C-alpha atoms as a PDB file:
ATOM      1  CA  UNK A   1     247.927  30.996 160.247  1.00  0.00           C
ATOM      2  CA  UNK A   2     246.765  28.300 157.821  1.00  0.00           C
ATOM      3  CA  UNK A   3     245.424  25.107 159.355  1.00  0.00           C
ATOM      4  CA  UNK A   4     245.975  21.968 157.256  1.00  0.00           C
ATOM      5  CA  UNK A   5     243.589  19.156 158.207  1.00  0.00           C
ATOM      6  CA  UNK A   6     244.869  15.937 156.615  1.00  0.00           C
ATOM      7  CA  UNK A   7     243.251  12.520 156.562  1.00  0.00           C
ATOM      8  CA  UNK A   8     246.058   9.906 156.358  1.00  0.00           C
ATOM      9  CA  UNK A   9     243.650   7.105 155.406  1.00  0.00           C
ATOM     10  CA  UNK A  10     242.156   8.839 152.368  1.00  0.00           C
ATOM     11  CA  UNK A  11     243.011   7.359 148.982  1.00  0.00           C
ATOM     12  CA  UNK A  12     245.109   4.577 150.532  1.00  0.00           C
ATOM     13  CA  UNK A  13     247.709   7.000 151.863  1.00  0.00           C
ATOM     14  CA  UNK A  14     247.672   9.752 149.201  1.00  0.00           C
ATOM     15  CA  UNK A  15     248.202  12.314 151.957  1.00  0.00           C
ATOM     16  CA  UNK A  16     251.678  10.927 152.695  1.00  0.00           C
ATOM     17  CA  UNK A  17     252.561  11.527 149.062  1.00  0.00           C
ATOM     18  CA  UNK A  18     251.529  15.189 148.854  1.00  0.00           C
ATOM     19  CA  UNK A  19     251.696  16.648 152.365  1.00  0.00           C
ATOM     20  CA  UNK A  20     255.500  16.897 152.922  1.00  0.00           C
ATOM     21  CA  UNK A  21     256.136  18.814 149.702  1.00  0.00           C
ATOM     22  CA  UNK A  22     253.143  21.099 150.260  1.00  0.00           C
ATOM     23  CA  UNK A  23     254.305  22.047 153.749  1.00  0.00           C
ATOM     24  CA  UNK A  24     257.813  22.708 152.380  1.00  0.00           C
ATOM     25  CA  UNK A  25     256.281  25.368 150.122  1.00  0.00           C
ATOM     26  CA  UNK A  26     254.667  27.059 153.143  1.00  0.00           C
ATOM     27  CA  UNK A  27     258.050  27.054 154.849  1.00  0.00           C
ATOM     28  CA  UNK A  28     259.881  28.328 151.749  1.00  0.00           C
ATOM     29  CA  UNK A  29     257.576  31.326 151.300  1.00  0.00           C
ATOM     30  CA  UNK A  30     257.217  32.066 155.008  1.00  0.00           C
ATOM     31  CA  UNK A  31     253.511  31.411 155.373  1.00  0.00           C
ATOM     32  CA  UNK A  32     252.581  30.295 158.905  1.00  0.00           C
ATOM     33  CA  UNK A  33     250.828  26.937 159.051  1.00  0.00           C
ATOM     34  CA  UNK A  34     249.896  24.117 161.365  1.00  0.00           C
ATOM     35  CA  UNK A  35     249.251  20.486 160.388  1.00  0.00           C
ATOM     36  CA  UNK A  36     246.502  18.464 162.047  1.00  0.00           C
ATOM     37  CA  UNK A  37     246.311  14.728 161.257  1.00  0.00           C
ATOM     38  CA  UNK A  38     242.890  13.171 161.779  1.00  0.00           C
ATOM     39  CA  UNK A  39     242.753   9.884 163.651  1.00  0.00           C
ATOM     40  CA  UNK A  40     239.047   9.105 163.629  1.00  0.00           C
ATOM     41  CA  UNK A  41     235.581   9.939 162.393  1.00  0.00           C
ATOM     42  CA  UNK A  42     234.483  13.576 162.949  1.00  0.00           C
ATOM     43  CA  UNK A  43     237.996  14.813 163.787  1.00  0.00           C
ATOM     44  CA  UNK A  44     237.808  17.150 160.797  1.00  0.00           C
ATOM     45  CA  UNK A  45     234.460  18.487 161.993  1.00  0.00           C
ATOM     46  CA  UNK A  46     235.628  19.369 165.483  1.00  0.00           C
ATOM     47  CA  UNK A  47     238.930  20.855 164.326  1.00  0.00           C
ATOM     48  CA  UNK A  48     237.265  23.095 161.720  1.00  0.00           C
ATOM     49  CA  UNK A  49     234.580  24.222 164.131  1.00  0.00           C
ATOM     50  CA  UNK A  50     237.210  25.107 166.726  1.00  0.00           C
ATOM     51  CA  UNK A  51     239.269  27.187 164.282  1.00  0.00           C
ATOM     52  CA  UNK A  52     236.206  29.106 163.081  1.00  0.00           C
ATOM     53  CA  UNK A  53     235.143  29.867 166.641  1.00  0.00           C
ATOM     54  CA  UNK A  54     238.476  30.606 168.293  1.00  0.00           C
ATOM     55  CA  UNK A  55     241.268  31.519 165.843  1.00  0.00           C
ATOM     56  CA  UNK A  56     240.946  35.153 164.819  1.00  0.00           C
ATOM     57  CA  UNK A  57     244.282  34.927 163.007  1.00  0.00           C
ATOM     58  CA  UNK A  58     243.264  31.989 160.810  1.00  0.00           C
ATOM     59  CA  UNK A  59     243.760  32.831 157.120  1.00  0.00           C
ATOM     60  CA  UNK A  60     242.333  29.594 155.829  1.00  0.00           C
ATOM     61  CA  UNK A  61     241.575  25.946 156.471  1.00  0.00           C
ATOM     62  CA  UNK A  62     243.076  23.474 153.995  1.00  0.00           C
ATOM     63  CA  UNK A  63     241.538  20.044 153.790  1.00  0.00           C
ATOM     64  CA  UNK A  64     243.564  17.145 152.380  1.00  0.00           C
ATOM     65  CA  UNK A  65     241.601  13.971 151.833  1.00  0.00           C
ATOM     66  CA  UNK A  66     238.505  12.668 150.095  1.00  0.00           C
ATOM     67  CA  UNK A  67     234.895  13.794 149.888  1.00  0.00           C
ATOM     68  CA  UNK A  68     234.176  12.527 153.395  1.00  0.00           C
ATOM     69  CA  UNK A  69     236.982  14.655 154.808  1.00  0.00           C
ATOM     70  CA  UNK A  70     235.653  17.803 153.143  1.00  0.00           C
ATOM     71  CA  UNK A  71     232.103  17.025 154.247  1.00  0.00           C
ATOM     72  CA  UNK A  72     233.260  16.834 157.864  1.00  0.00           C
ATOM     73  CA  UNK A  73     235.303  20.037 157.645  1.00  0.00           C
ATOM     74  CA  UNK A  74     232.543  21.998 155.903  1.00  0.00           C
ATOM     75  CA  UNK A  75     229.974  20.821 158.442  1.00  0.00           C
ATOM     76  CA  UNK A  76     232.183  22.036 161.282  1.00  0.00           C
ATOM     77  CA  UNK A  77     232.705  25.417 159.614  1.00  0.00           C
ATOM     78  CA  UNK A  78     229.003  25.906 158.922  1.00  0.00           C
ATOM     79  CA  UNK A  79     227.961  24.885 162.425  1.00  0.00           C
ATOM     80  CA  UNK A  80     230.475  27.338 163.875  1.00  0.00           C
ATOM     81  CA  UNK A  81     229.254  30.230 161.735  1.00  0.00           C
ATOM     82  CA  UNK A  82     225.597  29.570 162.565  1.00  0.00           C
ATOM     83  CA  UNK A  83     226.192  29.143 166.300  1.00  0.00           C
ATOM     84  CA  UNK A  84     226.016  32.041 168.776  1.00  0.00           C
ATOM     85  CA  UNK A  85     229.785  31.831 169.279  1.00  0.00           C
ATOM     86  CA  UNK A  86     230.652  31.682 165.581  1.00  0.00           C
ATOM     87  CA  UNK A  87     232.135  34.838 164.143  1.00  0.00           C
ATOM     88  CA  UNK A  88     235.019  34.022 161.788  1.00  0.00           C
ATOM     89  CA  UNK A  89     234.392  33.540 158.063  1.00  0.00           C
ATOM     90  CA  UNK A  90     237.315  31.416 156.853  1.00  0.00           C
ATOM     91  CA  UNK A  91     237.967  30.139 153.293  1.00  0.00           C
ATOM     92  CA  UNK A  92     238.361  26.400 152.715  1.00  0.00           C
ATOM     93  CA  UNK A  93     241.142  25.050 150.501  1.00  0.00           C
ATOM     94  CA  UNK A  94     240.286  21.716 148.870  1.00  0.00           C
ATOM     95  CA  UNK A  95     243.219  19.401 148.098  1.00  0.00           C
ATOM     96  CA  UNK A  96     241.764  16.139 146.709  1.00  0.00           C
ATOM     97  CA  UNK A  97     243.609  13.069 147.977  1.00  0.00           C
ATOM     98  CA  UNK A  98     240.787  10.545 148.163  1.00  0.00           C
ATOM     99  CA  UNK A  99     239.539   7.640 146.063  1.00  0.00           C
ATOM    100  CA  UNK A 100     236.682   9.311 144.209  1.00  0.00           C
ATOM    101  CA  UNK A 101     237.184  13.073 144.671  1.00  0.00           C
ATOM    102  CA  UNK A 102     233.741  13.889 143.240  1.00  0.00           C
ATOM    103  CA  UNK A 103     233.718  17.360 144.783  1.00  0.00           C
ATOM    104  CA  UNK A 104     236.994  18.296 143.110  1.00  0.00           C
ATOM    105  CA  UNK A 105     235.762  16.861 139.821  1.00  0.00           C
ATOM    106  CA  UNK A 106     232.697  19.095 140.011  1.00  0.00           C
ATOM    107  CA  UNK A 107     234.654  22.231 140.898  1.00  0.00           C
ATOM    108  CA  UNK A 108     237.418  21.716 138.336  1.00  0.00           C
ATOM    109  CA  UNK A 109     235.021  21.141 135.445  1.00  0.00           C
ATOM    110  CA  UNK A 110     234.818  17.394 135.018  1.00  0.00           C
ATOM    111  CA  UNK A 111     236.998  14.307 134.960  1.00  0.00           C
ATOM    112  CA  UNK A 112     239.244  15.296 132.048  1.00  0.00           C
ATOM    113  CA  UNK A 113     240.270  18.579 133.674  1.00  0.00           C
ATOM    114  CA  UNK A 114     240.799  16.970 137.091  1.00  0.00           C
ATOM    115  CA  UNK A 115     242.760  14.107 135.515  1.00  0.00           C
ATOM    116  CA  UNK A 116     244.992  16.604 133.713  1.00  0.00           C
ATOM    117  CA  UNK A 117     245.732  18.362 136.997  1.00  0.00           C
ATOM    118  CA  UNK A 118     246.471  15.160 138.924  1.00  0.00           C
ATOM    119  CA  UNK A 119     248.678  13.675 136.140  1.00  0.00           C
ATOM    120  CA  UNK A 120     251.214  16.473 136.426  1.00  0.00           C
ATOM    121  CA  UNK A 121     254.362  15.988 138.474  1.00  0.00           C
ATOM    122  CA  UNK A 122     253.800  16.008 142.219  1.00  0.00           C
ATOM    123  CA  UNK A 123     255.783  19.230 142.570  1.00  0.00           C
ATOM    124  CA  UNK A 124     253.629  20.977 139.944  1.00  0.00           C
ATOM    125  CA  UNK A 125     250.369  19.816 141.531  1.00  0.00           C
ATOM    126  CA  UNK A 126     251.444  21.150 144.913  1.00  0.00           C
ATOM    127  CA  UNK A 127     252.848  24.386 143.498  1.00  0.00           C
ATOM    128  CA  UNK A 128     249.690  25.157 141.509  1.00  0.00           C
ATOM    129  CA  UNK A 129     247.541  24.525 144.580  1.00  0.00           C
ATOM    130  CA  UNK A 130     249.857  26.562 146.806  1.00  0.00           C
ATOM    131  CA  UNK A 131     249.829  29.502 144.391  1.00  0.00           C
ATOM    132  CA  UNK A 132     246.046  29.558 144.507  1.00  0.00           C
ATOM    133  CA  UNK A 133     246.200  29.734 148.276  1.00  0.00           C
ATOM    134  CA  UNK A 134     248.875  32.427 148.258  1.00  0.00           C
ATOM    135  CA  UNK A 135     246.931  34.568 145.755  1.00  0.00           C
ATOM    136  CA  UNK A 136     243.711  34.071 147.722  1.00  0.00           C
ATOM    137  CA  UNK A 137     242.054  32.580 144.647  1.00  0.00           C
ATOM    138  CA  UNK A 138     238.557  31.819 145.963  1.00  0.00           C
ATOM    139  CA  UNK A 139     235.143  31.043 144.557  1.00  0.00           C
ATOM    140  CA  UNK A 140     231.736  30.604 146.134  1.00  0.00           C
ATOM    141  CA  UNK A 141     229.791  27.349 145.931  1.00  0.00           C
ATOM    142  CA  UNK A 142     226.277  26.528 147.052  1.00  0.00           C
ATOM    143  CA  UNK A 143     225.648  23.956 149.756  1.00  0.00           C
ATOM    144  CA  UNK A 144     222.612  22.402 151.360  1.00  0.00           C
ATOM    145  CA  UNK A 145     222.136  20.599 154.648  1.00  0.00           C
ATOM    146  CA  UNK A 146     220.882  17.016 154.671  1.00  0.00           C
ATOM    147  CA  UNK A 147     220.147  15.318 157.991  1.00  0.00           C
ATOM    148  CA  UNK A 148     221.621  18.454 159.579  1.00  0.00           C
ATOM    149  CA  UNK A 149     224.992  17.923 157.855  1.00  0.00           C
ATOM    150  CA  UNK A 150     226.638  19.866 155.042  1.00  0.00           C
ATOM    151  CA  UNK A 151     226.073  18.474 151.559  1.00  0.00           C
ATOM    152  CA  UNK A 152     228.665  19.911 149.188  1.00  0.00           C
ATOM    153  CA  UNK A 153     227.943  18.380 145.812  1.00  0.00           C
ATOM    154  CA  UNK A 154     225.416  15.547 145.703  1.00  0.00           C
ATOM    155  CA  UNK A 155     222.949  13.580 147.825  1.00  0.00           C
ATOM    156  CA  UNK A 156     221.437  10.189 147.058  1.00  0.00           C
ATOM    157  CA  UNK A 157     218.749   7.829 148.256  1.00  0.00           C
ATOM    158  CA  UNK A 158     218.090   4.233 147.301  1.00  0.00           C
ATOM    159  CA  UNK A 159     220.627   2.276 145.235  1.00  0.00           C
ATOM    160  CA  UNK A 160     223.103   5.163 144.879  1.00  0.00           C
ATOM    161  CA  UNK A 161     223.170   5.660 148.634  1.00  0.00           C
ATOM    162  CA  UNK A 162     223.739   1.943 149.179  1.00  0.00           C
ATOM    163  CA  UNK A 163     226.660   1.988 146.739  1.00  0.00           C
ATOM    164  CA  UNK A 164     228.270   4.854 148.669  1.00  0.00           C
ATOM    165  CA  UNK A 165     227.721   3.012 151.960  1.00  0.00           C
ATOM    166  CA  UNK A 166     229.226  -0.222 150.622  1.00  0.00           C
ATOM    167  CA  UNK A 167     232.171   1.661 149.097  1.00  0.00           C
ATOM    168  CA  UNK A 168     233.192   2.875 152.554  1.00  0.00           C
ATOM    169  CA  UNK A 169     233.328  -0.722 153.781  1.00  0.00           C
ATOM    170  CA  UNK A 170     235.264  -1.917 150.725  1.00  0.00           C
ATOM    171  CA  UNK A 171     237.883   0.859 150.507  1.00  0.00           C
ATOM    172  CA  UNK A 172     240.466  -0.918 152.645  1.00  0.00           C
ATOM    173  CA  UNK A 173     240.331  -4.015 150.437  1.00  0.00           C
ATOM    174  CA  UNK A 174     239.876  -2.486 146.968  1.00  0.00           C
ATOM    175  CA  UNK A 175     241.286   1.041 147.290  1.00  0.00           C
ATOM    176  CA  UNK A 176     240.364   3.287 144.337  1.00  0.00           C
ATOM    177  CA  UNK A 177     238.379   0.391 142.841  1.00  0.00           C
ATOM    178  CA  UNK A 178     236.078   0.249 145.854  1.00  0.00           C
ATOM    179  CA  UNK A 179     233.258   2.022 144.046  1.00  0.00           C
ATOM    180  CA  UNK A 180     233.227  -0.512 141.214  1.00  0.00           C
ATOM    181  CA  UNK A 181     233.159  -3.328 143.749  1.00  0.00           C
ATOM    182  CA  UNK A 182     230.393  -1.531 145.640  1.00  0.00           C
ATOM    183  CA  UNK A 183     228.300  -1.185 142.459  1.00  0.00           C
ATOM    184  CA  UNK A 184     228.518  -4.934 141.882  1.00  0.00           C
ATOM    185  CA  UNK A 185     227.714  -5.809 145.494  1.00  0.00           C
ATOM    186  CA  UNK A 186     224.845  -3.303 145.726  1.00  0.00           C
ATOM    187  CA  UNK A 187     223.151  -4.434 142.499  1.00  0.00           C
ATOM    188  CA  UNK A 188     223.419  -8.108 143.406  1.00  0.00           C
ATOM    189  CA  UNK A 189     221.829  -7.511 146.826  1.00  0.00           C
ATOM    190  CA  UNK A 190     219.431  -4.701 145.827  1.00  0.00           C
ATOM    191  CA  UNK A 191     215.888  -4.719 147.145  1.00  0.00           C
ATOM    192  CA  UNK A 192     213.318  -2.000 146.512  1.00  0.00           C
ATOM    193  CA  UNK A 193     212.890   0.515 149.335  1.00  0.00           C
ATOM    194  CA  UNK A 194     209.518   1.890 150.387  1.00  0.00           C
ATOM    195  CA  UNK A 195     209.556   5.666 150.916  1.00  0.00           C
ATOM    196  CA  UNK A 196     207.205   8.315 152.187  1.00  0.00           C
ATOM    197  CA  UNK A 197     208.129  11.785 150.917  1.00  0.00           C
ATOM    198  CA  UNK A 198     206.813  14.729 152.884  1.00  0.00           C
ATOM    199  CA  UNK A 199     207.379  18.385 151.974  1.00  0.00           C
ATOM    200  CA  UNK A 200     206.050  21.224 154.151  1.00  0.00           C
ATOM    201  CA  UNK A 201     203.838  18.776 155.966  1.00  0.00           C
ATOM    202  CA  UNK A 202     202.257  17.409 152.775  1.00  0.00           C
ATOM    203  CA  UNK A 203     202.802  13.757 151.837  1.00  0.00           C
ATOM    204  CA  UNK A 204     203.587  13.524 148.130  1.00  0.00           C
ATOM    205  CA  UNK A 205     204.111   9.769 147.807  1.00  0.00           C
END
């Protein structure tokens, strides 16, 4: 069984564009699947953790959304595997359908490669992704934990972090241009932040 965790709000509704055709491929080739639509924050976390702890027949979790969706899902999977009850190592399929898709950009080798993939016909995008799933095409990536949550590709403090925070608030109004709007807003309102950095009990700054 493949569990598809889809965020309908990612990328101003990109999921609605890709999900129906993707599920039709699962049906066509007889691969069992179940679709789970998130309705709120942390839904992806709890769903992924549950599958990793309870579903021995799970062949993979497929996330469909933006970077926030994948961060939630990965956090749930990691917490399940490191808990006393966790026992199922499950691969994660990443279908980018968000505004920024930085994780997918990193994995696919940069913006030009990711843009080439996304500019193909919808049917080709879905078929290429599906074939990777069917062939069990996997790769390992490193992750860290920040504030006890999975960090898949990048972590920021200061101005960069403020831009990301403002982008979340501006997505509904500006869609894929939210990050540009957030850069403008964050720079205009920027104030220096005082930090104390401590590593292994030693204060560095």
